[in-house]
Amino acid sequence: MSVVYLIALLVALACLVAVDRRFRLYFWRDPARAALVLVVGVLFFVTWDLCGIGLGIFRRGESPYLTGLVVAPQLPVEEIVFLTFLCYLTMLLILGCARLLARRQVRR
């Protein structure tokens, strides 16, 4: 059992939190709305994964970098952390780009 991948995901997630805090893009702008959007996004992708697992499309591969802990059959705990990272990153990119575009419009 290894935690390499999980630790890498958590470090990357911590970096996103630092960027969010620095620029007040998402959780530091409106925590309640951010939490709701993040939970809905993660639940959507977890449902997507569970449907794919149920249809036999997705399955958990063996890797020495995974913890071996599963949330559901064929759904490793790392997948939940990855989906959280993915949704958080997407929102930071969207809000960051919107802020940059708005700033560019003001300068014109």
PDB file of N, CA and C in Angstrom:
ATOM      1  N   MET A   1       0.842  -1.180   0.000  1.00  0.00           N
ATOM      2  CA  MET A   1       0.000   0.000   0.000  1.00  0.00           C
ATOM      3  C   MET A   1       0.889   1.246   0.000  1.00  0.00           C
ATOM      4  N   SER A   2       0.612   2.155  -0.939  1.00  0.00           N
ATOM      5  CA  SER A   2       1.397   3.366  -1.077  1.00  0.00           C
ATOM      6  C   SER A   2       0.461   4.572  -1.095  1.00  0.00           C
ATOM      7  N   VAL A   3       0.996   5.675  -0.691  1.00  0.00           N
ATOM      8  CA  VAL A   3       0.196   6.900  -0.674  1.00  0.00           C
ATOM      9  C   VAL A   3       0.790   7.973  -1.582  1.00  0.00           C
ATOM     10  N   VAL A   4       1.674   7.586  -2.471  1.00  0.00           N
ATOM     11  CA  VAL A   4       2.372   8.553  -3.321  1.00  0.00           C
ATOM     12  C   VAL A   4       1.395   9.391  -4.142  1.00  0.00           C
ATOM     13  N   TYR A   5       0.491   8.752  -4.843  1.00  0.00           N
ATOM     14  CA  TYR A   5      -0.453   9.469  -5.703  1.00  0.00           C
ATOM     15  C   TYR A   5      -1.374  10.347  -4.875  1.00  0.00           C
ATOM     16  N   LEU A   6      -1.874   9.830  -3.763  1.00  0.00           N
ATOM     17  CA  LEU A   6      -2.768  10.606  -2.903  1.00  0.00           C
ATOM     18  C   LEU A   6      -2.060  11.842  -2.360  1.00  0.00           C
ATOM     19  N   ILE A   7      -0.826  11.689  -1.929  1.00  0.00           N
ATOM     20  CA  ILE A   7      -0.066  12.832  -1.416  1.00  0.00           C
ATOM     21  C   ILE A   7       0.170  13.853  -2.522  1.00  0.00           C
ATOM     22  N   ALA A   8       0.497  13.391  -3.732  1.00  0.00           N
ATOM     23  CA  ALA A   8       0.692  14.313  -4.855  1.00  0.00           C
ATOM     24  C   ALA A   8      -0.581  15.102  -5.145  1.00  0.00           C
ATOM     25  N   LEU A   9      -1.729  14.426  -5.104  1.00  0.00           N
ATOM     26  CA  LEU A   9      -3.001  15.113  -5.323  1.00  0.00           C
ATOM     27  C   LEU A   9      -3.276  16.138  -4.227  1.00  0.00           C
ATOM     28  N   LEU A  10      -2.997  15.773  -2.990  1.00  0.00           N
ATOM     29  CA  LEU A  10      -3.245  16.693  -1.873  1.00  0.00           C
ATOM     30  C   LEU A  10      -2.313  17.900  -1.922  1.00  0.00           C
ATOM     31  N   VAL A  11      -1.068  17.698  -2.341  1.00  0.00           N
ATOM     32  CA  VAL A  11      -0.138  18.823  -2.488  1.00  0.00           C
ATOM     33  C   VAL A  11      -0.625  19.755  -3.598  1.00  0.00           C
ATOM     34  N   ALA A  12      -1.044  19.182  -4.723  1.00  0.00           N
ATOM     35  CA  ALA A  12      -1.565  19.995  -5.824  1.00  0.00           C
ATOM     36  C   ALA A  12      -2.815  20.753  -5.386  1.00  0.00           C
ATOM     37  N   LEU A  13      -3.677  20.102  -4.625  1.00  0.00           N
ATOM     38  CA  LEU A  13      -4.884  20.754  -4.115  1.00  0.00           C
ATOM     39  C   LEU A  13      -4.522  21.897  -3.167  1.00  0.00           C
ATOM     40  N   ALA A  14      -3.507  21.694  -2.336  1.00  0.00           N
ATOM     41  CA  ALA A  14      -3.049  22.750  -1.434  1.00  0.00           C
ATOM     42  C   ALA A  14      -2.522  23.949  -2.222  1.00  0.00           C
ATOM     43  N   CYS A  15      -1.869  23.698  -3.347  1.00  0.00           N
ATOM     44  CA  CYS A  15      -1.388  24.788  -4.205  1.00  0.00           C
ATOM     45  C   CYS A  15      -2.560  25.583  -4.772  1.00  0.00           C
ATOM     46  N   LEU A  16      -3.635  24.890  -5.147  1.00  0.00           N
ATOM     47  CA  LEU A  16      -4.829  25.584  -5.638  1.00  0.00           C
ATOM     48  C   LEU A  16      -5.435  26.460  -4.542  1.00  0.00           C
ATOM     49  N   VAL A  17      -5.459  25.944  -3.328  1.00  0.00           N
ATOM     50  CA  VAL A  17      -5.986  26.718  -2.200  1.00  0.00           C
ATOM     51  C   VAL A  17      -5.146  27.970  -2.003  1.00  0.00           C
ATOM     52  N   ALA A  18      -3.822  27.848  -2.131  1.00  0.00           N
ATOM     53  CA  ALA A  18      -2.946  29.005  -1.968  1.00  0.00           C
ATOM     54  C   ALA A  18      -3.208  30.057  -3.049  1.00  0.00           C
ATOM     55  N   VAL A  19      -3.392  29.626  -4.283  1.00  0.00           N
ATOM     56  CA  VAL A  19      -3.695  30.556  -5.370  1.00  0.00           C
ATOM     57  C   VAL A  19      -5.054  31.215  -5.129  1.00  0.00           C
ATOM     58  N   ASP A  20      -6.014  30.414  -4.711  1.00  0.00           N
ATOM     59  CA  ASP A  20      -7.354  30.934  -4.435  1.00  0.00           C
ATOM     60  C   ASP A  20      -7.295  31.984  -3.332  1.00  0.00           C
ATOM     61  N   ARG A  21      -6.569  31.693  -2.295  1.00  0.00           N
ATOM     62  CA  ARG A  21      -6.456  32.633  -1.174  1.00  0.00           C
ATOM     63  C   ARG A  21      -5.758  33.916  -1.609  1.00  0.00           C
ATOM     64  N   ARG A  22      -4.706  33.774  -2.372  1.00  0.00           N
ATOM     65  CA  ARG A  22      -3.922  34.940  -2.820  1.00  0.00           C
ATOM     66  C   ARG A  22      -4.757  35.900  -3.682  1.00  0.00           C
ATOM     67  N   PHE A  23      -5.531  35.340  -4.617  1.00  0.00           N
ATOM     68  CA  PHE A  23      -6.277  36.171  -5.556  1.00  0.00           C
ATOM     69  C   PHE A  23      -7.769  36.281  -5.237  1.00  0.00           C
ATOM     70  N   ARG A  24      -8.214  35.609  -4.168  1.00  0.00           N
ATOM     71  CA  ARG A  24      -9.623  35.649  -3.743  1.00  0.00           C
ATOM     72  C   ARG A  24     -10.571  35.393  -4.912  1.00  0.00           C
ATOM     73  N   LEU A  25     -10.388  34.231  -5.525  1.00  0.00           N
ATOM     74  CA  LEU A  25     -11.164  33.899  -6.715  1.00  0.00           C
ATOM     75  C   LEU A  25     -12.432  33.104  -6.425  1.00  0.00           C
ATOM     76  N   TYR A  26     -12.364  32.176  -5.487  1.00  0.00           N
ATOM     77  CA  TYR A  26     -13.444  31.188  -5.368  1.00  0.00           C
ATOM     78  C   TYR A  26     -13.923  31.080  -3.924  1.00  0.00           C
ATOM     79  N   PHE A  27     -13.243  30.320  -3.092  1.00  0.00           N
ATOM     80  CA  PHE A  27     -13.677  30.147  -1.708  1.00  0.00           C
ATOM     81  C   PHE A  27     -13.494  31.426  -0.894  1.00  0.00           C
ATOM     82  N   TRP A  28     -12.479  32.206  -1.205  1.00  0.00           N
ATOM     83  CA  TRP A  28     -12.256  33.437  -0.457  1.00  0.00           C
ATOM     84  C   TRP A  28     -13.111  34.584  -0.978  1.00  0.00           C
ATOM     85  N   ARG A  29     -13.862  34.328  -2.019  1.00  0.00           N
ATOM     86  CA  ARG A  29     -14.766  35.340  -2.573  1.00  0.00           C
ATOM     87  C   ARG A  29     -16.189  35.120  -2.053  1.00  0.00           C
ATOM     88  N   ASP A  30     -16.668  33.869  -2.119  1.00  0.00           N
ATOM     89  CA  ASP A  30     -18.010  33.522  -1.656  1.00  0.00           C
ATOM     90  C   ASP A  30     -17.992  32.053  -1.218  1.00  0.00           C
ATOM     91  N   PRO A  31     -17.637  31.785   0.032  1.00  0.00           N
ATOM     92  CA  PRO A  31     -17.441  30.405   0.493  1.00  0.00           C
ATOM     93  C   PRO A  31     -18.668  29.500   0.356  1.00  0.00           C
ATOM     94  N   ALA A  32     -19.847  29.998   0.658  1.00  0.00           N
ATOM     95  CA  ALA A  32     -21.052  29.165   0.592  1.00  0.00           C
ATOM     96  C   ALA A  32     -21.345  28.737  -0.843  1.00  0.00           C
ATOM     97  N   ARG A  33     -21.298  29.679  -1.752  1.00  0.00           N
ATOM     98  CA  ARG A  33     -21.561  29.361  -3.157  1.00  0.00           C
ATOM     99  C   ARG A  33     -20.471  28.447  -3.722  1.00  0.00           C
ATOM    100  N   ALA A  34     -19.238  28.717  -3.350  1.00  0.00           N
ATOM    101  CA  ALA A  34     -18.121  27.895  -3.829  1.00  0.00           C
ATOM    102  C   ALA A  34     -18.266  26.455  -3.349  1.00  0.00           C
ATOM    103  N   ALA A  35     -18.619  26.275  -2.098  1.00  0.00           N
ATOM    104  CA  ALA A  35     -18.787  24.923  -1.561  1.00  0.00           C
ATOM    105  C   ALA A  35     -19.912  24.190  -2.287  1.00  0.00           C
ATOM    106  N   LEU A  36     -21.007  24.876  -2.525  1.00  0.00           N
ATOM    107  CA  LEU A  36     -22.136  24.265  -3.229  1.00  0.00           C
ATOM    108  C   LEU A  36     -21.742  23.843  -4.644  1.00  0.00           C
ATOM    109  N   VAL A  37     -21.092  24.745  -5.364  1.00  0.00           N
ATOM    110  CA  VAL A  37     -20.687  24.434  -6.739  1.00  0.00           C
ATOM    111  C   VAL A  37     -19.686  23.286  -6.765  1.00  0.00           C
ATOM    112  N   LEU A  38     -18.737  23.285  -5.845  1.00  0.00           N
ATOM    113  CA  LEU A  38     -17.741  22.218  -5.798  1.00  0.00           C
ATOM    114  C   LEU A  38     -18.385  20.871  -5.483  1.00  0.00           C
ATOM    115  N   VAL A  39     -19.268  20.830  -4.515  1.00  0.00           N
ATOM    116  CA  VAL A  39     -19.936  19.574  -4.150  1.00  0.00           C
ATOM    117  C   VAL A  39     -20.790  19.060  -5.310  1.00  0.00           C
ATOM    118  N   VAL A  40     -21.530  19.938  -5.956  1.00  0.00           N
ATOM    119  CA  VAL A  40     -22.362  19.523  -7.093  1.00  0.00           C
ATOM    120  C   VAL A  40     -21.480  18.981  -8.221  1.00  0.00           C
ATOM    121  N   GLY A  41     -20.380  19.652  -8.495  1.00  0.00           N
ATOM    122  CA  GLY A  41     -19.470  19.186  -9.542  1.00  0.00           C
ATOM    123  C   GLY A  41     -18.871  17.824  -9.233  1.00  0.00           C
ATOM    124  N   VAL A  42     -18.400  17.652  -8.011  1.00  0.00           N
ATOM    125  CA  VAL A  42     -17.803  16.366  -7.621  1.00  0.00           C
ATOM    126  C   VAL A  42     -18.861  15.268  -7.648  1.00  0.00           C
ATOM    127  N   LEU A  43     -20.058  15.544  -7.149  1.00  0.00           N
ATOM    128  CA  LEU A  43     -21.128  14.546  -7.181  1.00  0.00           C
ATOM    129  C   LEU A  43     -21.503  14.162  -8.606  1.00  0.00           C
ATOM    130  N   PHE A  44     -21.513  15.129  -9.509  1.00  0.00           N
ATOM    131  CA  PHE A  44     -21.789  14.827 -10.915  1.00  0.00           C
ATOM    132  C   PHE A  44     -20.769  13.842 -11.461  1.00  0.00           C
ATOM    133  N   PHE A  45     -19.494  14.117 -11.244  1.00  0.00           N
ATOM    134  CA  PHE A  45     -18.459  13.238 -11.785  1.00  0.00           C
ATOM    135  C   PHE A  45     -18.377  11.895 -11.063  1.00  0.00           C
ATOM    136  N   VAL A  46     -18.686  11.864  -9.777  1.00  0.00           N
ATOM    137  CA  VAL A  46     -18.739  10.576  -9.068  1.00  0.00           C
ATOM    138  C   VAL A  46     -19.881   9.733  -9.624  1.00  0.00           C
ATOM    139  N   THR A  47     -21.022  10.360  -9.873  1.00  0.00           N
ATOM    140  CA  THR A  47     -22.151   9.648 -10.485  1.00  0.00           C
ATOM    141  C   THR A  47     -21.764   9.127 -11.862  1.00  0.00           C
ATOM    142  N   TRP A  48     -21.082   9.960 -12.626  1.00  0.00           N
ATOM    143  CA  TRP A  48     -20.580   9.567 -13.946  1.00  0.00           C
ATOM    144  C   TRP A  48     -19.676   8.341 -13.818  1.00  0.00           C
ATOM    145  N   ASP A  49     -18.741   8.387 -12.877  1.00  0.00           N
ATOM    146  CA  ASP A  49     -17.834   7.256 -12.658  1.00  0.00           C
ATOM    147  C   ASP A  49     -18.595   5.996 -12.249  1.00  0.00           C
ATOM    148  N   LEU A  50     -19.558   6.145 -11.342  1.00  0.00           N
ATOM    149  CA  LEU A  50     -20.318   4.979 -10.880  1.00  0.00           C
ATOM    150  C   LEU A  50     -21.128   4.365 -12.018  1.00  0.00           C
ATOM    151  N   CYS A  51     -21.685   5.203 -12.879  1.00  0.00           N
ATOM    152  CA  CYS A  51     -22.402   4.680 -14.057  1.00  0.00           C
ATOM    153  C   CYS A  51     -21.435   3.926 -14.969  1.00  0.00           C
ATOM    154  N   GLY A  52     -20.270   4.498 -15.201  1.00  0.00           N
ATOM    155  CA  GLY A  52     -19.265   3.834 -16.031  1.00  0.00           C
ATOM    156  C   GLY A  52     -18.792   2.529 -15.418  1.00  0.00           C
ATOM    157  N   ILE A  53     -18.646   2.504 -14.113  1.00  0.00           N
ATOM    158  CA  ILE A  53     -18.245   1.272 -13.418  1.00  0.00           C
ATOM    159  C   ILE A  53     -19.350   0.237 -13.542  1.00  0.00           C
ATOM    160  N   GLY A  54     -20.592   0.668 -13.339  1.00  0.00           N
ATOM    161  CA  GLY A  54     -21.735  -0.247 -13.449  1.00  0.00           C
ATOM    162  C   GLY A  54     -21.883  -0.840 -14.840  1.00  0.00           C
ATOM    163  N   LEU A  55     -21.537  -0.081 -15.865  1.00  0.00           N
ATOM    164  CA  LEU A  55     -21.620  -0.568 -17.242  1.00  0.00           C
ATOM    165  C   LEU A  55     -20.382  -1.354 -17.663  1.00  0.00           C
ATOM    166  N   GLY A  56     -19.404  -1.410 -16.783  1.00  0.00           N
ATOM    167  CA  GLY A  56     -18.184  -2.140 -17.104  1.00  0.00           C
ATOM    168  C   GLY A  56     -17.200  -1.360 -17.957  1.00  0.00           C
ATOM    169  N   ILE A  57     -17.421  -0.052 -18.094  1.00  0.00           N
ATOM    170  CA  ILE A  57     -16.534   0.788 -18.901  1.00  0.00           C
ATOM    171  C   ILE A  57     -15.284   1.165 -18.106  1.00  0.00           C
ATOM    172  N   PHE A  58     -15.467   1.511 -16.851  1.00  0.00           N
ATOM    173  CA  PHE A  58     -14.355   1.902 -15.979  1.00  0.00           C
ATOM    174  C   PHE A  58     -14.050   0.774 -15.007  1.00  0.00           C
ATOM    175  N   ARG A  59     -12.794   0.640 -14.667  1.00  0.00           N
ATOM    176  CA  ARG A  59     -12.409  -0.260 -13.586  1.00  0.00           C
ATOM    177  C   ARG A  59     -11.109   0.240 -12.988  1.00  0.00           C
ATOM    178  N   ARG A  60     -10.898  -0.135 -11.754  1.00  0.00           N
ATOM    179  CA  ARG A  60      -9.706   0.312 -11.043  1.00  0.00           C
ATOM    180  C   ARG A  60      -8.523  -0.533 -11.485  1.00  0.00           C
ATOM    181  N   GLY A  61      -7.504   0.121 -11.958  1.00  0.00           N
ATOM    182  CA  GLY A  61      -6.288  -0.584 -12.332  1.00  0.00           C
ATOM    183  C   GLY A  61      -5.392  -0.788 -11.117  1.00  0.00           C
ATOM    184  N   GLU A  62      -4.526  -1.724 -11.212  1.00  0.00           N
ATOM    185  CA  GLU A  62      -3.579  -1.968 -10.121  1.00  0.00           C
ATOM    186  C   GLU A  62      -2.360  -1.084 -10.324  1.00  0.00           C
ATOM    187  N   SER A  63      -1.946  -0.441  -9.275  1.00  0.00           N
ATOM    188  CA  SER A  63      -0.776   0.425  -9.332  1.00  0.00           C
ATOM    189  C   SER A  63      -0.101   0.425  -7.971  1.00  0.00           C
ATOM    190  N   PRO A  64       1.211   0.438  -7.971  1.00  0.00           N
ATOM    191  CA  PRO A  64       1.909   0.498  -6.679  1.00  0.00           C
ATOM    192  C   PRO A  64       1.792   1.875  -6.012  1.00  0.00           C
ATOM    193  N   TYR A  65       1.228   2.850  -6.715  1.00  0.00           N
ATOM    194  CA  TYR A  65       1.132   4.211  -6.186  1.00  0.00           C
ATOM    195  C   TYR A  65      -0.194   4.494  -5.499  1.00  0.00           C
ATOM    196  N   LEU A  66      -1.147   3.575  -5.576  1.00  0.00           N
ATOM    197  CA  LEU A  66      -2.466   3.755  -4.960  1.00  0.00           C
ATOM    198  C   LEU A  66      -2.497   3.183  -3.554  1.00  0.00           C
ATOM    199  N   THR A  67      -3.378   3.723  -2.717  1.00  0.00           N
ATOM    200  CA  THR A  67      -3.493   3.255  -1.341  1.00  0.00           C
ATOM    201  C   THR A  67      -4.176   1.898  -1.245  1.00  0.00           C
ATOM    202  N   GLY A  68      -5.013   1.576  -2.208  1.00  0.00           N
ATOM    203  CA  GLY A  68      -5.787   0.344  -2.140  1.00  0.00           C
ATOM    204  C   GLY A  68      -7.123   0.544  -1.455  1.00  0.00           C
ATOM    205  N   LEU A  69      -7.359   1.738  -0.910  1.00  0.00           N
ATOM    206  CA  LEU A  69      -8.638   2.047  -0.261  1.00  0.00           C
ATOM    207  C   LEU A  69      -9.661   2.417  -1.323  1.00  0.00           C
ATOM    208  N   VAL A  70     -10.851   1.838  -1.212  1.00  0.00           N
ATOM    209  CA  VAL A  70     -11.903   2.120  -2.178  1.00  0.00           C
ATOM    210  C   VAL A  70     -13.136   2.676  -1.468  1.00  0.00           C
ATOM    211  N   VAL A  71     -13.808   3.604  -2.124  1.00  0.00           N
ATOM    212  CA  VAL A  71     -15.038   4.195  -1.608  1.00  0.00           C
ATOM    213  C   VAL A  71     -16.214   3.296  -1.971  1.00  0.00           C
ATOM    214  N   ALA A  72     -16.161   2.757  -3.171  1.00  0.00           N
ATOM    215  CA  ALA A  72     -17.142   1.806  -3.688  1.00  0.00           C
ATOM    216  C   ALA A  72     -16.356   0.814  -4.546  1.00  0.00           C
ATOM    217  N   PRO A  73     -16.960  -0.287  -4.923  1.00  0.00           N
ATOM    218  CA  PRO A  73     -16.225  -1.218  -5.777  1.00  0.00           C
ATOM    219  C   PRO A  73     -15.691  -0.522  -7.032  1.00  0.00           C
ATOM    220  N   GLN A  74     -14.415  -0.672  -7.272  1.00  0.00           N
ATOM    221  CA  GLN A  74     -13.712  -0.096  -8.426  1.00  0.00           C
ATOM    222  C   GLN A  74     -13.563   1.433  -8.365  1.00  0.00           C
ATOM    223  N   LEU A  75     -13.874   2.046  -7.233  1.00  0.00           N
ATOM    224  CA  LEU A  75     -13.760   3.500  -7.090  1.00  0.00           C
ATOM    225  C   LEU A  75     -12.781   3.824  -5.956  1.00  0.00           C
ATOM    226  N   PRO A  76     -11.516   4.064  -6.297  1.00  0.00           N
ATOM    227  CA  PRO A  76     -10.522   4.343  -5.252  1.00  0.00           C
ATOM    228  C   PRO A  76     -10.717   5.722  -4.628  1.00  0.00           C
ATOM    229  N   VAL A  77     -10.267   5.879  -3.419  1.00  0.00           N
ATOM    230  CA  VAL A  77     -10.378   7.151  -2.704  1.00  0.00           C
ATOM    231  C   VAL A  77      -9.638   8.254  -3.461  1.00  0.00           C
ATOM    232  N   GLU A  78      -8.584   7.897  -4.160  1.00  0.00           N
ATOM    233  CA  GLU A  78      -7.835   8.889  -4.937  1.00  0.00           C
ATOM    234  C   GLU A  78      -8.695   9.527  -6.027  1.00  0.00           C
ATOM    235  N   GLU A  79      -9.671   8.795  -6.533  1.00  0.00           N
ATOM    236  CA  GLU A  79     -10.545   9.332  -7.573  1.00  0.00           C
ATOM    237  C   GLU A  79     -11.378  10.490  -7.035  1.00  0.00           C
ATOM    238  N   ILE A  80     -11.846  10.380  -5.809  1.00  0.00           N
ATOM    239  CA  ILE A  80     -12.631  11.456  -5.195  1.00  0.00           C
ATOM    240  C   ILE A  80     -11.762  12.704  -5.030  1.00  0.00           C
ATOM    241  N   VAL A  81     -10.535  12.507  -4.569  1.00  0.00           N
ATOM    242  CA  VAL A  81      -9.623  13.641  -4.399  1.00  0.00           C
ATOM    243  C   VAL A  81      -9.290  14.247  -5.764  1.00  0.00           C
ATOM    244  N   PHE A  82      -9.078  13.412  -6.775  1.00  0.00           N
ATOM    245  CA  PHE A  82      -8.788  13.909  -8.114  1.00  0.00           C
ATOM    246  C   PHE A  82      -9.961  14.705  -8.674  1.00  0.00           C
ATOM    247  N   LEU A  83     -11.173  14.212  -8.492  1.00  0.00           N
ATOM    248  CA  LEU A  83     -12.346  14.926  -8.991  1.00  0.00           C
ATOM    249  C   LEU A  83     -12.522  16.270  -8.285  1.00  0.00           C
ATOM    250  N   THR A  84     -12.219  16.306  -6.994  1.00  0.00           N
ATOM    251  CA  THR A  84     -12.256  17.560  -6.249  1.00  0.00           C
ATOM    252  C   THR A  84     -11.221  18.528  -6.818  1.00  0.00           C
ATOM    253  N   PHE A  85     -10.010  18.023  -7.055  1.00  0.00           N
ATOM    254  CA  PHE A  85      -8.953  18.836  -7.655  1.00  0.00           C
ATOM    255  C   PHE A  85      -9.389  19.362  -9.021  1.00  0.00           C
ATOM    256  N   LEU A  86      -9.954  18.495  -9.842  1.00  0.00           N
ATOM    257  CA  LEU A  86     -10.371  18.867 -11.192  1.00  0.00           C
ATOM    258  C   LEU A  86     -11.435  19.960 -11.169  1.00  0.00           C
ATOM    259  N   CYS A  87     -12.442  19.811 -10.332  1.00  0.00           N
ATOM    260  CA  CYS A  87     -13.511  20.816 -10.250  1.00  0.00           C
ATOM    261  C   CYS A  87     -12.987  22.139  -9.693  1.00  0.00           C
ATOM    262  N   TYR A  88     -12.144  22.077  -8.693  1.00  0.00           N
ATOM    263  CA  TYR A  88     -11.572  23.286  -8.089  1.00  0.00           C
ATOM    264  C   TYR A  88     -10.697  24.018  -9.109  1.00  0.00           C
ATOM    265  N   LEU A  89      -9.846  23.277  -9.809  1.00  0.00           N
ATOM    266  CA  LEU A  89      -8.993  23.871 -10.833  1.00  0.00           C
ATOM    267  C   LEU A  89      -9.819  24.538 -11.930  1.00  0.00           C
ATOM    268  N   THR A  90     -10.867  23.872 -12.362  1.00  0.00           N
ATOM    269  CA  THR A  90     -11.720  24.426 -13.411  1.00  0.00           C
ATOM    270  C   THR A  90     -12.335  25.746 -12.979  1.00  0.00           C
ATOM    271  N   MET A  91     -12.846  25.800 -11.766  1.00  0.00           N
ATOM    272  CA  MET A  91     -13.460  27.040 -11.300  1.00  0.00           C
ATOM    273  C   MET A  91     -12.429  28.152 -11.147  1.00  0.00           C
ATOM    274  N   LEU A  92     -11.233  27.826 -10.675  1.00  0.00           N
ATOM    275  CA  LEU A  92     -10.200  28.851 -10.565  1.00  0.00           C
ATOM    276  C   LEU A  92      -9.812  29.386 -11.941  1.00  0.00           C
ATOM    277  N   LEU A  93      -9.711  28.500 -12.912  1.00  0.00           N
ATOM    278  CA  LEU A  93      -9.377  28.936 -14.271  1.00  0.00           C
ATOM    279  C   LEU A  93     -10.475  29.823 -14.857  1.00  0.00           C
ATOM    280  N   ILE A  94     -11.723  29.417 -14.685  1.00  0.00           N
ATOM    281  CA  ILE A  94     -12.839  30.211 -15.215  1.00  0.00           C
ATOM    282  C   ILE A  94     -12.881  31.588 -14.559  1.00  0.00           C
ATOM    283  N   LEU A  95     -12.813  31.628 -13.244  1.00  0.00           N
ATOM    284  CA  LEU A  95     -12.903  32.901 -12.533  1.00  0.00           C
ATOM    285  C   LEU A  95     -11.660  33.760 -12.750  1.00  0.00           C
ATOM    286  N   GLY A  96     -10.499  33.119 -12.827  1.00  0.00           N
ATOM    287  CA  GLY A  96      -9.267  33.862 -13.090  1.00  0.00           C
ATOM    288  C   GLY A  96      -9.274  34.474 -14.473  1.00  0.00           C
ATOM    289  N   CYS A  97      -9.697  33.715 -15.470  1.00  0.00           N
ATOM    290  CA  CYS A  97      -9.783  34.252 -16.840  1.00  0.00           C
ATOM    291  C   CYS A  97     -10.815  35.369 -16.930  1.00  0.00           C
ATOM    292  N   ALA A  98     -11.937  35.198 -16.264  1.00  0.00           N
ATOM    293  CA  ALA A  98     -12.967  36.258 -16.267  1.00  0.00           C
ATOM    294  C   ALA A  98     -12.414  37.537 -15.653  1.00  0.00           C
ATOM    295  N   ARG A  99     -11.662  37.405 -14.582  1.00  0.00           N
ATOM    296  CA  ARG A  99     -11.081  38.589 -13.947  1.00  0.00           C
ATOM    297  C   ARG A  99     -10.065  39.259 -14.867  1.00  0.00           C
ATOM    298  N   LEU A 100      -9.230  38.453 -15.525  1.00  0.00           N
ATOM    299  CA  LEU A 100      -8.245  39.013 -16.454  1.00  0.00           C
ATOM    300  C   LEU A 100      -8.922  39.726 -17.628  1.00  0.00           C
ATOM    301  N   LEU A 101      -9.971  39.113 -18.168  1.00  0.00           N
ATOM    302  CA  LEU A 101     -10.692  39.746 -19.276  1.00  0.00           C
ATOM    303  C   LEU A 101     -11.377  41.045 -18.838  1.00  0.00           C
ATOM    304  N   ALA A 102     -11.940  41.052 -17.649  1.00  0.00           N
ATOM    305  CA  ALA A 102     -12.579  42.269 -17.135  1.00  0.00           C
ATOM    306  C   ALA A 102     -11.546  43.365 -16.929  1.00  0.00           C
ATOM    307  N   ARG A 103     -10.401  43.005 -16.417  1.00  0.00           N
ATOM    308  CA  ARG A 103      -9.335  43.989 -16.218  1.00  0.00           C
ATOM    309  C   ARG A 103      -8.865  44.543 -17.559  1.00  0.00           C
ATOM    310  N   ARG A 104      -8.809  43.699 -18.561  1.00  0.00           N
ATOM    311  CA  ARG A 104      -8.385  44.145 -19.886  1.00  0.00           C
ATOM    312  C   ARG A 104      -9.399  45.123 -20.482  1.00  0.00           C
ATOM    313  N   GLN A 105     -10.689  44.853 -20.260  1.00  0.00           N
ATOM    314  CA  GLN A 105     -11.731  45.752 -20.757  1.00  0.00           C
ATOM    315  C   GLN A 105     -11.656  47.124 -20.090  1.00  0.00           C
ATOM    316  N   VAL A 106     -11.349  47.146 -18.794  1.00  0.00           N
ATOM    317  CA  VAL A 106     -11.263  48.402 -18.057  1.00  0.00           C
ATOM    318  C   VAL A 106     -10.090  49.238 -18.576  1.00  0.00           C
ATOM    319  N   ARG A 107      -8.994  48.604 -18.910  1.00  0.00           N
ATOM    320  CA  ARG A 107      -7.813  49.315 -19.393  1.00  0.00           C
ATOM    321  C   ARG A 107      -8.041  49.945 -20.759  1.00  0.00           C
ATOM    322  N   ARG A 108      -8.957  49.396 -21.531  1.00  0.00           N
ATOM    323  CA  ARG A 108      -9.229  49.954 -22.867  1.00  0.00           C
ATOM    324  C   ARG A 108     -10.043  51.161 -22.694  1.00  0.00           C
TER     325      ARG A 108
END
